[in-house]
Structure formats: structure tokens, C-alpha cells
Amino acid sequence: FFLLSEDYALQQRIEESTLSGRNHPLNIHGAADLGL
């Protein structure tokens, strides 16, 4: 099992380009821009 902090606020870090193993929209787009 795992221990989770449900309310821990994440500071999103936006990258200018997709790096190795980081090909995900949240690495280059803000959450609000994605409707999240």
C-alpha cells in the first residue's frame, strides 16, 4: 500500500520542451489550460 497526502498542492513546473521520459501534456501546458 502507499501513504497519500490528498491535499498537498503541487507547484507545476512548465518545461519548454519534452525531455526524456517526460512526454506528458502537464510538462508543457498549465493545468488550467488543459481544463484541469
Full PDB file with SEQRES, HELIX, SHEET, SSBOND, CRYST1, ORIGX, SCALE, CONECT and MASTER records, all heavy atoms in Angstrom:
SEQRES   1 A   36  PHE PHE LEU LEU SER GLU ASP TYR ALA LEU GLN GLN ARG          
SEQRES   2 A   36  ILE GLU GLU SER THR LEU SER GLY ARG ASN HIS PRO LEU          
SEQRES   3 A   36  ASN ILE HIS GLY ALA ALA ASP LEU GLY LEU                      
HELIX    1 AA1 PRO A   25  ASN A   27  5                                   3    
HELIX    2 AA2 ALA A   32  LEU A   34  5                                   3    
CRYST1    1.000    1.000    1.000  90.00  90.00  90.00 P 1           1          
ORIGX1      1.000000  0.000000  0.000000        0.00000                         
ORIGX2      0.000000  1.000000  0.000000        0.00000                         
ORIGX3      0.000000  0.000000  1.000000        0.00000                         
SCALE1      1.000000  0.000000  0.000000        0.00000                         
SCALE2      0.000000  1.000000  0.000000        0.00000                         
SCALE3      0.000000  0.000000  1.000000        0.00000                         
ATOM      1  N   PHE A   1       0.851  -1.189   0.000  1.00  0.00           N  
ATOM      2  CA  PHE A   1       0.000   0.000   0.000  1.00  0.00           C  
ATOM      3  C   PHE A   1       0.885   1.237   0.000  1.00  0.00           C  
ATOM      4  O   PHE A   1       2.110   1.143   0.043  1.00  0.00           O  
ATOM      5  CB  PHE A   1      -0.942   0.004   1.217  1.00  0.00           C  
ATOM      6  CG  PHE A   1      -0.260   0.005   2.562  1.00  0.00           C  
ATOM      7  CD1 PHE A   1       0.021   1.206   3.208  1.00  0.00           C  
ATOM      8  CD2 PHE A   1       0.094  -1.179   3.189  1.00  0.00           C  
ATOM      9  CE1 PHE A   1       0.647   1.228   4.445  1.00  0.00           C  
ATOM     10  CE2 PHE A   1       0.724  -1.178   4.438  1.00  0.00           C  
ATOM     11  CZ  PHE A   1       0.992   0.033   5.064  1.00  0.00           C  
ATOM     12  N   PHE A   2       0.251   2.412  -0.097  1.00  0.00           N  
ATOM     13  CA  PHE A   2       1.020   3.650  -0.077  1.00  0.00           C  
ATOM     14  C   PHE A   2       0.323   4.691   0.773  1.00  0.00           C  
ATOM     15  O   PHE A   2      -0.887   4.604   1.023  1.00  0.00           O  
ATOM     16  CB  PHE A   2       1.273   4.175  -1.502  1.00  0.00           C  
ATOM     17  CG  PHE A   2       0.036   4.484  -2.301  1.00  0.00           C  
ATOM     18  CD1 PHE A   2      -0.490   5.769  -2.349  1.00  0.00           C  
ATOM     19  CD2 PHE A   2      -0.598   3.492  -3.040  1.00  0.00           C  
ATOM     20  CE1 PHE A   2      -1.613   6.067  -3.091  1.00  0.00           C  
ATOM     21  CE2 PHE A   2      -1.724   3.776  -3.798  1.00  0.00           C  
ATOM     22  CZ  PHE A   2      -2.240   5.066  -3.823  1.00  0.00           C  
ATOM     23  N   LEU A   3       1.092   5.658   1.248  1.00  0.00           N  
ATOM     24  CA  LEU A   3       0.576   6.747   2.068  1.00  0.00           C  
ATOM     25  C   LEU A   3       0.477   7.999   1.211  1.00  0.00           C  
ATOM     26  O   LEU A   3       1.457   8.428   0.600  1.00  0.00           O  
ATOM     27  CB  LEU A   3       1.490   7.009   3.272  1.00  0.00           C  
ATOM     28  CG  LEU A   3       1.709   5.827   4.221  1.00  0.00           C  
ATOM     29  CD1 LEU A   3       2.588   6.255   5.398  1.00  0.00           C  
ATOM     30  CD2 LEU A   3       0.393   5.250   4.724  1.00  0.00           C  
ATOM     31  N   LEU A   4      -0.725   8.575   1.179  1.00  0.00           N  
ATOM     32  CA  LEU A   4      -1.006   9.681   0.270  1.00  0.00           C  
ATOM     33  C   LEU A   4      -1.470  10.915   1.017  1.00  0.00           C  
ATOM     34  O   LEU A   4      -2.364  10.837   1.861  1.00  0.00           O  
ATOM     35  CB  LEU A   4      -2.094   9.258  -0.727  1.00  0.00           C  
ATOM     36  CG  LEU A   4      -2.638  10.341  -1.665  1.00  0.00           C  
ATOM     37  CD1 LEU A   4      -1.557  10.783  -2.645  1.00  0.00           C  
ATOM     38  CD2 LEU A   4      -3.868   9.841  -2.405  1.00  0.00           C  
ATOM     39  N   SER A   5      -0.866  12.051   0.681  1.00  0.00           N  
ATOM     40  CA  SER A   5      -1.359  13.340   1.134  1.00  0.00           C  
ATOM     41  C   SER A   5      -2.274  13.876   0.038  1.00  0.00           C  
ATOM     42  O   SER A   5      -1.807  14.334  -1.013  1.00  0.00           O  
ATOM     43  CB  SER A   5      -0.196  14.316   1.382  1.00  0.00           C  
ATOM     44  OG  SER A   5      -0.686  15.608   1.667  1.00  0.00           O  
ATOM     45  N   GLU A   6      -3.590  13.776   0.264  1.00  0.00           N  
ATOM     46  CA  GLU A   6      -4.558  14.123  -0.772  1.00  0.00           C  
ATOM     47  C   GLU A   6      -4.587  15.621  -1.069  1.00  0.00           C  
ATOM     48  O   GLU A   6      -4.864  16.038  -2.201  1.00  0.00           O  
ATOM     49  CB  GLU A   6      -5.956  13.671  -0.356  1.00  0.00           C  
ATOM     50  CG  GLU A   6      -6.096  12.165  -0.169  1.00  0.00           C  
ATOM     51  CD  GLU A   6      -7.494  11.791   0.269  1.00  0.00           C  
ATOM     52  OE1 GLU A   6      -8.466  12.326  -0.315  1.00  0.00           O  
ATOM     53  OE2 GLU A   6      -7.634  10.987   1.208  1.00  0.00           O  
ATOM     54  N   ASP A   7      -4.303  16.448  -0.075  1.00  0.00           N  
ATOM     55  CA  ASP A   7      -4.465  17.891  -0.228  1.00  0.00           C  
ATOM     56  C   ASP A   7      -3.164  18.622  -0.518  1.00  0.00           C  
ATOM     57  O   ASP A   7      -3.143  19.850  -0.576  1.00  0.00           O  
ATOM     58  CB  ASP A   7      -5.115  18.474   1.039  1.00  0.00           C  
ATOM     59  CG  ASP A   7      -6.500  17.902   1.290  1.00  0.00           C  
ATOM     60  OD1 ASP A   7      -7.227  17.688   0.301  1.00  0.00           O  
ATOM     61  OD2 ASP A   7      -6.849  17.653   2.461  1.00  0.00           O  
ATOM     62  N   TYR A   8      -2.081  17.883  -0.697  1.00  0.00           N  
ATOM     63  CA  TYR A   8      -0.790  18.510  -0.962  1.00  0.00           C  
ATOM     64  C   TYR A   8      -0.837  19.249  -2.303  1.00  0.00           C  
ATOM     65  O   TYR A   8      -1.057  18.649  -3.363  1.00  0.00           O  
ATOM     66  CB  TYR A   8       0.305  17.448  -0.987  1.00  0.00           C  
ATOM     67  CG  TYR A   8       1.706  17.989  -1.178  1.00  0.00           C  
ATOM     68  CD1 TYR A   8       2.491  18.313  -0.084  1.00  0.00           C  
ATOM     69  CD2 TYR A   8       2.237  18.158  -2.458  1.00  0.00           C  
ATOM     70  CE1 TYR A   8       3.783  18.797  -0.254  1.00  0.00           C  
ATOM     71  CE2 TYR A   8       3.527  18.638  -2.636  1.00  0.00           C  
ATOM     72  CZ  TYR A   8       4.288  18.963  -1.529  1.00  0.00           C  
ATOM     73  OH  TYR A   8       5.567  19.437  -1.699  1.00  0.00           O  
ATOM     74  N   ALA A   9      -0.667  20.564  -2.285  1.00  0.00           N  
ATOM     75  CA  ALA A   9      -0.747  21.375  -3.501  1.00  0.00           C  
ATOM     76  C   ALA A   9       0.566  21.295  -4.274  1.00  0.00           C  
ATOM     77  O   ALA A   9       1.649  21.502  -3.709  1.00  0.00           O  
ATOM     78  CB  ALA A   9      -1.064  22.820  -3.146  1.00  0.00           C  
ATOM     79  N   LEU A  10       0.474  20.996  -5.547  1.00  0.00           N  
ATOM     80  CA  LEU A  10       1.659  20.846  -6.378  1.00  0.00           C  
ATOM     81  C   LEU A  10       2.000  22.153  -7.079  1.00  0.00           C  
ATOM     82  O   LEU A  10       1.119  22.834  -7.608  1.00  0.00           O  
ATOM     83  CB  LEU A  10       1.435  19.762  -7.434  1.00  0.00           C  
ATOM     84  CG  LEU A  10       1.219  18.346  -6.900  1.00  0.00           C  
ATOM     85  CD1 LEU A  10       0.910  17.415  -8.050  1.00  0.00           C  
ATOM     86  CD2 LEU A  10       2.439  17.855  -6.142  1.00  0.00           C  
ATOM     87  N   GLN A  11       3.268  22.479  -7.082  1.00  0.00           N  
ATOM     88  CA  GLN A  11       3.760  23.622  -7.833  1.00  0.00           C  
ATOM     89  C   GLN A  11       4.188  23.111  -9.202  1.00  0.00           C  
ATOM     90  O   GLN A  11       5.229  22.468  -9.340  1.00  0.00           O  
ATOM     91  CB  GLN A  11       4.932  24.283  -7.101  1.00  0.00           C  
ATOM     92  CG  GLN A  11       4.580  24.828  -5.730  1.00  0.00           C  
ATOM     93  CD  GLN A  11       3.559  25.948  -5.806  1.00  0.00           C  
ATOM     94  OE1 GLN A  11       3.631  26.816  -6.678  1.00  0.00           O  
ATOM     95  NE2 GLN A  11       2.594  25.936  -4.889  1.00  0.00           N  
ATOM     96  N   GLN A  12       3.371  23.357 -10.215  1.00  0.00           N  
ATOM     97  CA  GLN A  12       3.644  22.821 -11.532  1.00  0.00           C  
ATOM     98  C   GLN A  12       4.803  23.555 -12.184  1.00  0.00           C  
ATOM     99  O   GLN A  12       4.864  24.780 -12.188  1.00  0.00           O  
ATOM    100  CB  GLN A  12       2.400  22.920 -12.412  1.00  0.00           C  
ATOM    101  CG  GLN A  12       2.530  22.191 -13.729  1.00  0.00           C  
ATOM    102  CD  GLN A  12       1.293  22.365 -14.585  1.00  0.00           C  
ATOM    103  OE1 GLN A  12       0.355  23.064 -14.202  1.00  0.00           O  
ATOM    104  NE2 GLN A  12       1.286  21.760 -15.755  1.00  0.00           N  
ATOM    105  N   ARG A  13       5.716  22.767 -12.720  1.00  0.00           N  
ATOM    106  CA  ARG A  13       6.872  23.334 -13.416  1.00  0.00           C  
ATOM    107  C   ARG A  13       6.703  23.080 -14.908  1.00  0.00           C  
ATOM    108  O   ARG A  13       6.638  21.933 -15.352  1.00  0.00           O  
ATOM    109  CB  ARG A  13       8.161  22.679 -12.913  1.00  0.00           C  
ATOM    110  CG  ARG A  13       9.431  23.254 -13.540  1.00  0.00           C  
ATOM    111  CD  ARG A  13      10.651  22.595 -12.932  1.00  0.00           C  
ATOM    112  NE  ARG A  13      10.651  21.169 -13.160  1.00  0.00           N  
ATOM    113  CZ  ARG A  13      11.124  20.277 -12.308  1.00  0.00           C  
ATOM    114  NH1 ARG A  13      11.573  20.664 -11.139  1.00  0.00           N  
ATOM    115  NH2 ARG A  13      11.105  18.985 -12.596  1.00  0.00           N  
ATOM    116  N   ILE A  14       6.602  24.135 -15.680  1.00  0.00           N  
ATOM    117  CA  ILE A  14       6.389  24.018 -17.119  1.00  0.00           C  
ATOM    118  C   ILE A  14       7.736  23.991 -17.834  1.00  0.00           C  
ATOM    119  O   ILE A  14       8.592  24.840 -17.607  1.00  0.00           O  
ATOM    120  CB  ILE A  14       5.540  25.192 -17.649  1.00  0.00           C  
ATOM    121  CG1 ILE A  14       4.240  25.295 -16.846  1.00  0.00           C  
ATOM    122  CG2 ILE A  14       5.261  25.030 -19.124  1.00  0.00           C  
ATOM    123  CD1 ILE A  14       3.374  24.068 -16.929  1.00  0.00           C  
ATOM    124  N   GLU A  15       7.902  23.002 -18.702  1.00  0.00           N  
ATOM    125  CA  GLU A  15       9.137  22.883 -19.473  1.00  0.00           C  
ATOM    126  C   GLU A  15       8.902  23.427 -20.880  1.00  0.00           C  
ATOM    127  O   GLU A  15       7.804  23.345 -21.422  1.00  0.00           O  
ATOM    128  CB  GLU A  15       9.578  21.418 -19.558  1.00  0.00           C  
ATOM    129  CG  GLU A  15       9.803  20.766 -18.195  1.00  0.00           C  
ATOM    130  CD  GLU A  15      11.037  21.279 -17.499  1.00  0.00           C  
ATOM    131  OE1 GLU A  15      11.828  21.995 -18.156  1.00  0.00           O  
ATOM    132  OE2 GLU A  15      11.205  20.985 -16.319  1.00  0.00           O  
ATOM    133  N   GLU A  16       9.955  23.946 -21.490  1.00  0.00           N  
ATOM    134  CA  GLU A  16       9.827  24.474 -22.839  1.00  0.00           C  
ATOM    135  C   GLU A  16       9.824  23.371 -23.886  1.00  0.00           C  
ATOM    136  O   GLU A  16       9.357  23.550 -24.993  1.00  0.00           O  
ATOM    137  CB  GLU A  16      10.968  25.452 -23.125  1.00  0.00           C  
ATOM    138  CG  GLU A  16      10.905  26.717 -22.264  1.00  0.00           C  
ATOM    139  CD  GLU A  16      12.014  27.691 -22.604  1.00  0.00           C  
ATOM    140  OE1 GLU A  16      12.857  27.335 -23.454  1.00  0.00           O  
ATOM    141  OE2 GLU A  16      12.034  28.786 -22.042  1.00  0.00           O  
ATOM    142  N   SER A  17      10.349  22.239 -23.539  1.00  0.00           N  
ATOM    143  CA  SER A  17      10.380  21.130 -24.494  1.00  0.00           C  
ATOM    144  C   SER A  17      10.185  19.827 -23.745  1.00  0.00           C  
ATOM    145  O   SER A  17      10.355  19.754 -22.531  1.00  0.00           O  
ATOM    146  CB  SER A  17      11.720  21.095 -25.246  1.00  0.00           C  
ATOM    147  OG  SER A  17      12.784  20.886 -24.328  1.00  0.00           O  
ATOM    148  N   THR A  18       9.813  18.802 -24.485  1.00  0.00           N  
ATOM    149  CA  THR A  18       9.613  17.489 -23.888  1.00  0.00           C  
ATOM    150  C   THR A  18      10.962  16.808 -23.715  1.00  0.00           C  
ATOM    151  O   THR A  18      11.714  16.641 -24.667  1.00  0.00           O  
ATOM    152  CB  THR A  18       8.707  16.633 -24.775  1.00  0.00           C  
ATOM    153  OG1 THR A  18       7.473  17.327 -24.950  1.00  0.00           O  
ATOM    154  CG2 THR A  18       8.444  15.278 -24.161  1.00  0.00           C  
ATOM    155  N   LEU A  19      11.257  16.385 -22.498  1.00  0.00           N  
ATOM    156  CA  LEU A  19      12.520  15.724 -22.205  1.00  0.00           C  
ATOM    157  C   LEU A  19      12.325  14.220 -22.160  1.00  0.00           C  
ATOM    158  O   LEU A  19      11.207  13.716 -22.220  1.00  0.00           O  
ATOM    159  CB  LEU A  19      13.063  16.221 -20.864  1.00  0.00           C  
ATOM    160  CG  LEU A  19      13.269  17.735 -20.759  1.00  0.00           C  
ATOM    161  CD1 LEU A  19      13.746  18.095 -19.365  1.00  0.00           C  
ATOM    162  CD2 LEU A  19      14.265  18.226 -21.793  1.00  0.00           C  
ATOM    163  N   SER A  20      13.409  13.488 -22.040  1.00  0.00           N  
ATOM    164  CA  SER A  20      13.339  12.037 -21.991  1.00  0.00           C  
ATOM    165  C   SER A  20      12.443  11.579 -20.859  1.00  0.00           C  
ATOM    166  O   SER A  20      12.621  11.967 -19.704  1.00  0.00           O  
ATOM    167  CB  SER A  20      14.748  11.457 -21.792  1.00  0.00           C  
ATOM    168  OG  SER A  20      14.703  10.070 -21.635  1.00  0.00           O  
ATOM    169  N   GLY A  21      11.470  10.727 -21.195  1.00  0.00           N  
ATOM    170  CA  GLY A  21      10.577  10.189 -20.181  1.00  0.00           C  
ATOM    171  C   GLY A  21       9.584  11.191 -19.646  1.00  0.00           C  
ATOM    172  O   GLY A  21       8.920  10.920 -18.653  1.00  0.00           O  
ATOM    173  N   ARG A  22       9.455  12.364 -20.275  1.00  0.00           N  
ATOM    174  CA  ARG A  22       8.548  13.387 -19.759  1.00  0.00           C  
ATOM    175  C   ARG A  22       7.581  13.858 -20.842  1.00  0.00           C  
ATOM    176  O   ARG A  22       7.164  15.007 -20.855  1.00  0.00           O  
ATOM    177  CB  ARG A  22       9.341  14.550 -19.174  1.00  0.00           C  
ATOM    178  CG  ARG A  22      10.278  14.128 -18.039  1.00  0.00           C  
ATOM    179  CD  ARG A  22      10.830  15.316 -17.303  1.00  0.00           C  
ATOM    180  NE  ARG A  22       9.772  16.046 -16.631  1.00  0.00           N  
ATOM    181  CZ  ARG A  22       9.961  17.236 -16.035  1.00  0.00           C  
ATOM    182  NH1 ARG A  22      11.159  17.788 -16.061  1.00  0.00           N  
ATOM    183  NH2 ARG A  22       8.973  17.853 -15.436  1.00  0.00           N  
ATOM    184  N   ASN A  23       7.251  12.972 -21.744  1.00  0.00           N  
ATOM    185  CA  ASN A  23       6.328  13.307 -22.827  1.00  0.00           C  
ATOM    186  C   ASN A  23       4.895  13.255 -22.303  1.00  0.00           C  
ATOM    187  O   ASN A  23       4.159  12.303 -22.505  1.00  0.00           O  
ATOM    188  CB  ASN A  23       6.512  12.355 -24.014  1.00  0.00           C  
ATOM    189  CG  ASN A  23       6.580  10.886 -23.605  1.00  0.00           C  
ATOM    190  OD1 ASN A  23       7.454  10.500 -22.832  1.00  0.00           O  
ATOM    191  ND2 ASN A  23       5.680  10.073 -24.127  1.00  0.00           N  
ATOM    192  N   HIS A  24       4.535  14.307 -21.598  1.00  0.00           N  
ATOM    193  CA  HIS A  24       3.206  14.411 -20.999  1.00  0.00           C  
ATOM    194  C   HIS A  24       2.738  15.857 -21.099  1.00  0.00           C  
ATOM    195  O   HIS A  24       3.535  16.793 -20.913  1.00  0.00           O  
ATOM    196  CB  HIS A  24       3.236  13.965 -19.537  1.00  0.00           C  
ATOM    197  CG  HIS A  24       1.874  13.799 -18.939  1.00  0.00           C  
ATOM    198  ND1 HIS A  24       1.101  14.867 -18.520  1.00  0.00           N  
ATOM    199  CD2 HIS A  24       1.133  12.689 -18.690  1.00  0.00           C  
ATOM    200  CE1 HIS A  24      -0.048  14.421 -18.045  1.00  0.00           C  
ATOM    201  NE2 HIS A  24      -0.062  13.111 -18.140  1.00  0.00           N  
ATOM    202  N   PRO A  25       1.442  16.076 -21.376  1.00  0.00           N  
ATOM    203  CA  PRO A  25       0.947  17.454 -21.525  1.00  0.00           C  
ATOM    204  C   PRO A  25       1.228  18.358 -20.341  1.00  0.00           C  
ATOM    205  O   PRO A  25       1.467  19.556 -20.515  1.00  0.00           O  
ATOM    206  CB  PRO A  25      -0.564  17.246 -21.715  1.00  0.00           C  
ATOM    207  CG  PRO A  25      -0.685  15.892 -22.328  1.00  0.00           C  
ATOM    208  CD  PRO A  25       0.410  15.075 -21.691  1.00  0.00           C  
ATOM    209  N   LEU A  26       1.217  17.816 -19.117  1.00  0.00           N  
ATOM    210  CA  LEU A  26       1.409  18.658 -17.942  1.00  0.00           C  
ATOM    211  C   LEU A  26       2.845  19.119 -17.764  1.00  0.00           C  
ATOM    212  O   LEU A  26       3.129  19.953 -16.904  1.00  0.00           O  
ATOM    213  CB  LEU A  26       0.936  17.927 -16.681  1.00  0.00           C  
ATOM    214  CG  LEU A  26      -0.586  17.875 -16.518  1.00  0.00           C  
ATOM    215  CD1 LEU A  26      -0.978  16.936 -15.391  1.00  0.00           C  
ATOM    216  CD2 LEU A  26      -1.150  19.274 -16.261  1.00  0.00           C  
ATOM    217  N   ASN A  27       3.749  18.622 -18.590  1.00  0.00           N  
ATOM    218  CA  ASN A  27       5.120  19.116 -18.552  1.00  0.00           C  
ATOM    219  C   ASN A  27       5.313  20.342 -19.442  1.00  0.00           C  
ATOM    220  O   ASN A  27       6.336  21.018 -19.353  1.00  0.00           O  
ATOM    221  CB  ASN A  27       6.099  18.014 -18.971  1.00  0.00           C  
ATOM    222  CG  ASN A  27       6.280  16.985 -17.887  1.00  0.00           C  
ATOM    223  OD1 ASN A  27       6.343  17.315 -16.716  1.00  0.00           O  
ATOM    224  ND2 ASN A  27       6.341  15.718 -18.272  1.00  0.00           N  
ATOM    225  N   ILE A  28       4.319  20.616 -20.301  1.00  0.00           N  
ATOM    226  CA  ILE A  28       4.472  21.762 -21.199  1.00  0.00           C  
ATOM    227  C   ILE A  28       3.243  22.659 -21.233  1.00  0.00           C  
ATOM    228  O   ILE A  28       3.279  23.719 -21.860  1.00  0.00           O  
ATOM    229  CB  ILE A  28       4.814  21.301 -22.631  1.00  0.00           C  
ATOM    230  CG1 ILE A  28       3.779  20.311 -23.156  1.00  0.00           C  
ATOM    231  CG2 ILE A  28       6.194  20.674 -22.668  1.00  0.00           C  
ATOM    232  CD1 ILE A  28       4.039  19.883 -24.592  1.00  0.00           C  
ATOM    233  N   HIS A  29       2.159  22.261 -20.561  1.00  0.00           N  
ATOM    234  CA  HIS A  29       0.949  23.076 -20.516  1.00  0.00           C  
ATOM    235  C   HIS A  29       0.492  23.232 -19.064  1.00  0.00           C  
ATOM    236  O   HIS A  29       0.607  22.285 -18.268  1.00  0.00           O  
ATOM    237  CB  HIS A  29      -0.190  22.421 -21.310  1.00  0.00           C  
ATOM    238  CG  HIS A  29       0.084  22.269 -22.772  1.00  0.00           C  
ATOM    239  ND1 HIS A  29       0.099  23.339 -23.639  1.00  0.00           N  
ATOM    240  CD2 HIS A  29       0.353  21.173 -23.522  1.00  0.00           C  
ATOM    241  CE1 HIS A  29       0.362  22.909 -24.867  1.00  0.00           C  
ATOM    242  NE2 HIS A  29       0.529  21.593 -24.812  1.00  0.00           N  
ATOM    243  N   GLY A  30      -0.038  24.391 -18.738  1.00  0.00           N  
ATOM    244  CA  GLY A  30      -0.607  24.592 -17.419  1.00  0.00           C  
ATOM    245  C   GLY A  30      -1.878  23.767 -17.245  1.00  0.00           C  
ATOM    246  O   GLY A  30      -2.613  23.533 -18.204  1.00  0.00           O  
ATOM    247  N   ALA A  31      -2.144  23.344 -16.013  1.00  0.00           N  
ATOM    248  CA  ALA A  31      -3.318  22.526 -15.742  1.00  0.00           C  
ATOM    249  C   ALA A  31      -4.602  23.219 -16.176  1.00  0.00           C  
ATOM    250  O   ALA A  31      -5.482  22.604 -16.797  1.00  0.00           O  
ATOM    251  CB  ALA A  31      -3.370  22.172 -14.264  1.00  0.00           C  
ATOM    252  N   ALA A  32      -4.727  24.501 -15.870  1.00  0.00           N  
ATOM    253  CA  ALA A  32      -5.948  25.232 -16.220  1.00  0.00           C  
ATOM    254  C   ALA A  32      -6.138  25.298 -17.730  1.00  0.00           C  
ATOM    255  O   ALA A  32      -7.269  25.235 -18.234  1.00  0.00           O  
ATOM    256  CB  ALA A  32      -5.902  26.639 -15.630  1.00  0.00           C  
ATOM    257  N   ASP A  33      -5.032  25.398 -18.476  1.00  0.00           N  
ATOM    258  CA  ASP A  33      -5.121  25.448 -19.934  1.00  0.00           C  
ATOM    259  C   ASP A  33      -5.643  24.139 -20.515  1.00  0.00           C  
ATOM    260  O   ASP A  33      -6.166  24.116 -21.636  1.00  0.00           O  
ATOM    261  CB  ASP A  33      -3.750  25.761 -20.536  1.00  0.00           C  
ATOM    262  CG  ASP A  33      -3.240  27.139 -20.142  1.00  0.00           C  
ATOM    263  OD1 ASP A  33      -4.088  28.025 -19.889  1.00  0.00           O  
ATOM    264  OD2 ASP A  33      -2.014  27.325 -20.072  1.00  0.00           O  
ATOM    265  N   LEU A  34      -5.474  23.058 -19.762  1.00  0.00           N  
ATOM    266  CA  LEU A  34      -5.939  21.747 -20.215  1.00  0.00           C  
ATOM    267  C   LEU A  34      -7.325  21.413 -19.675  1.00  0.00           C  
ATOM    268  O   LEU A  34      -7.818  20.296 -19.871  1.00  0.00           O  
ATOM    269  CB  LEU A  34      -4.948  20.658 -19.763  1.00  0.00           C  
ATOM    270  CG  LEU A  34      -3.537  20.760 -20.337  1.00  0.00           C  
ATOM    271  CD1 LEU A  34      -2.632  19.697 -19.727  1.00  0.00           C  
ATOM    272  CD2 LEU A  34      -3.565  20.635 -21.855  1.00  0.00           C  
ATOM    273  N   GLY A  35      -7.943  22.377 -18.995  1.00  0.00           N  
ATOM    274  CA  GLY A  35      -9.266  22.142 -18.437  1.00  0.00           C  
ATOM    275  C   GLY A  35      -9.249  21.345 -17.157  1.00  0.00           C  
ATOM    276  O   GLY A  35     -10.278  20.762 -16.762  1.00  0.00           O  
ATOM    277  N   LEU A  36      -8.101  21.317 -16.475  1.00  0.00           N  
ATOM    278  CA  LEU A  36      -7.964  20.558 -15.240  1.00  0.00           C  
ATOM    279  C   LEU A  36      -8.085  21.453 -14.026  1.00  0.00           C  
ATOM    280  O   LEU A  36      -7.804  22.660 -14.088  1.00  0.00           O  
ATOM    281  CB  LEU A  36      -6.606  19.840 -15.208  1.00  0.00           C  
ATOM    282  CG  LEU A  36      -6.327  18.857 -16.356  1.00  0.00           C  
ATOM    283  CD1 LEU A  36      -4.892  18.352 -16.258  1.00  0.00           C  
ATOM    284  CD2 LEU A  36      -7.308  17.700 -16.322  1.00  0.00           C  
TER     285      LEU A  36                                                      
MASTER        0    0    0    2    0    0    0    6  284    1    0    3          
END                                                                             
